[in-house]
Amino acid sequence: MNKENSTLFTLLLIAIGMTIVEVLLNSKGEFAPDSTQSLWGLISLILTIIWAVADSETNNFDKPFDFGFLMYVFWPIALPYYLCKTRGADGLILFIGFIGIWLGPWLAGLVAYTYIYAP
């Protein structure tokens, strides 16, 4: 398994774990602590950047020296730019997928809370 696939596998595995935690807590009427939410956001961002850096090496993308730092600071602009530059219009679909992985646990918890506690 190459570095890109292992990074995506790790990201998905952590996202599934976070989804389970969110659903279990929200179905009991509790919420995940803000520190856990912040840690999930940071981990998903860092793993996405690690994937992009590894992917840029296999796609022969002409990247600047500080590509990883630019991705970290300007990720809402840099990641879609990189994905569109290397994959065309399919890059936007991949970007929406990364956003879905990032927001998925929160949305699953929201659905669980709404389903159980809605009048």
Protein backbone atom coordinates (compact mmCIF):
# COMPACT_ATOMS: atom_id res chain seq x y z
CA MET A 1 0.00 0.00 0.00
CA ASN A 2 1.46 3.36 -0.97
CA LYS A 3 1.55 6.45 1.21
CA GLU A 4 -1.50 8.08 -0.41
CA ASN A 5 -3.73 5.07 0.12
CA SER A 6 -2.56 4.50 3.68
CA THR A 7 -3.19 8.16 4.52
CA LEU A 8 -6.71 8.02 3.07
CA PHE A 9 -7.36 4.74 4.89
CA THR A 10 -6.24 6.31 8.16
CA LEU A 11 -8.39 9.38 7.53
CA LEU A 12 -11.46 7.26 6.82
CA LEU A 13 -10.81 5.01 9.82
CA ILE A 14 -10.56 7.98 12.18
CA ALA A 15 -13.65 9.55 10.57
CA ILE A 16 -15.63 6.36 11.17
CA GLY A 17 -14.48 6.30 14.79
CA MET A 18 -15.41 9.93 15.28
CA THR A 19 -18.80 9.27 13.66
CA ILE A 20 -19.47 6.44 16.10
CA VAL A 21 -18.52 8.65 19.05
CA GLU A 22 -20.72 11.51 17.81
CA VAL A 23 -23.74 9.27 17.21
CA LEU A 24 -23.43 7.51 20.57
CA LEU A 25 -23.00 10.75 22.52
CA ASN A 26 -25.71 12.66 20.67
CA SER A 27 -28.18 9.80 20.98
CA LYS A 28 -27.77 10.12 24.78
CA GLY A 29 -28.31 13.87 24.62
CA GLU A 30 -24.64 14.66 25.27
CA PHE A 31 -22.18 16.39 23.01
CA ALA A 32 -18.54 15.75 22.20
CA PRO A 33 -16.25 18.23 23.95
CA ASP A 34 -14.99 21.19 21.96
CA SER A 35 -11.42 19.95 22.37
CA THR A 36 -12.38 16.67 20.68
CA GLN A 37 -14.06 18.54 17.83
CA SER A 38 -10.99 20.76 17.40
CA LEU A 39 -8.65 17.78 17.48
CA TRP A 40 -10.73 16.01 14.82
CA GLY A 41 -10.60 19.09 12.60
CA LEU A 42 -6.83 19.39 13.00
CA ILE A 43 -6.20 15.69 12.39
CA SER A 44 -8.38 15.60 9.29
CA LEU A 45 -6.69 18.72 7.92
CA ILE A 46 -3.19 17.37 8.55
CA LEU A 47 -3.98 13.97 7.02
CA THR A 48 -5.50 15.68 3.98
CA ILE A 49 -2.35 17.77 3.54
CA ILE A 50 -0.14 14.68 3.93
CA TRP A 51 -2.23 13.00 1.24
CA ALA A 52 -1.92 16.02 -1.07
CA VAL A 53 1.86 16.19 -0.65
CA ALA A 54 2.24 12.45 -1.34
CA ASP A 55 -0.15 12.71 -4.28
CA SER A 56 1.76 15.64 -5.75
CA GLU A 57 4.90 13.51 -5.86
CA THR A 58 3.19 10.77 -7.90
CA ASN A 59 1.46 13.25 -10.25
CA ASN A 60 4.70 15.14 -11.01
CA PHE A 61 3.06 18.38 -9.91
CA ASP A 62 5.48 21.31 -10.02
CA LYS A 63 5.10 22.40 -6.42
CA PRO A 64 6.85 25.19 -4.55
CA PHE A 65 9.31 24.48 -1.74
CA ASP A 66 6.80 25.31 0.99
CA PHE A 67 3.86 23.44 -0.56
CA GLY A 68 2.82 21.75 2.70
CA PHE A 69 2.84 25.03 4.62
CA LEU A 70 0.82 26.77 1.91
CA MET A 71 -1.69 23.92 1.98
CA TYR A 72 -1.99 24.24 5.76
CA VAL A 73 -2.44 28.02 5.83
CA PHE A 74 -4.53 28.46 2.67
CA TRP A 75 -6.21 25.04 2.39
CA PRO A 76 -9.66 26.32 1.31
CA ILE A 77 -7.98 27.84 -1.74
CA ALA A 78 -4.87 25.70 -2.22
CA LEU A 79 -6.49 22.26 -2.00
CA PRO A 80 -9.21 22.89 -4.64
CA TYR A 81 -6.59 24.58 -6.85
CA TYR A 82 -4.28 21.59 -6.58
CA LEU A 83 -7.08 19.10 -7.18
CA CYS A 84 -8.43 20.99 -10.21
CA LYS A 85 -4.92 21.44 -11.61
CA THR A 86 -4.13 17.73 -11.39
CA ARG A 87 -7.56 16.21 -12.06
CA GLY A 88 -9.63 18.82 -13.84
CA ALA A 89 -13.31 18.97 -12.96
CA ASP A 90 -13.08 15.67 -11.08
CA GLY A 91 -10.89 17.50 -8.57
CA LEU A 92 -13.89 19.49 -7.35
CA ILE A 93 -15.77 16.26 -6.69
CA LEU A 94 -12.76 14.98 -4.74
CA PHE A 95 -12.68 18.26 -2.76
CA ILE A 96 -16.37 17.83 -1.90
CA GLY A 97 -15.48 14.30 -0.77
CA PHE A 98 -12.80 15.63 1.59
CA ILE A 99 -15.27 18.18 2.96
CA GLY A 100 -17.79 15.34 3.42
CA ILE A 101 -15.26 13.28 5.36
CA TRP A 102 -14.51 16.31 7.53
CA LEU A 103 -18.17 17.16 8.21
CA GLY A 104 -19.54 13.60 8.19
CA PRO A 105 -19.17 12.84 11.90
CA TRP A 106 -20.81 16.10 12.91
CA LEU A 107 -23.69 15.59 10.47
CA ALA A 108 -24.23 12.00 11.64
CA GLY A 109 -24.37 13.18 15.23
CA LEU A 110 -26.80 15.91 14.28
CA VAL A 111 -29.06 13.42 12.55
CA ALA A 112 -28.94 11.08 15.57
CA TYR A 113 -29.78 13.92 17.95
CA THR A 114 -32.59 15.22 15.75
CA TYR A 115 -34.04 11.75 15.19
CA ILE A 116 -34.17 10.92 18.90
CA TYR A 117 -35.01 14.30 20.44
CA ALA A 118 -37.20 15.91 17.76
CA PRO A 119 -40.80 16.53 18.86
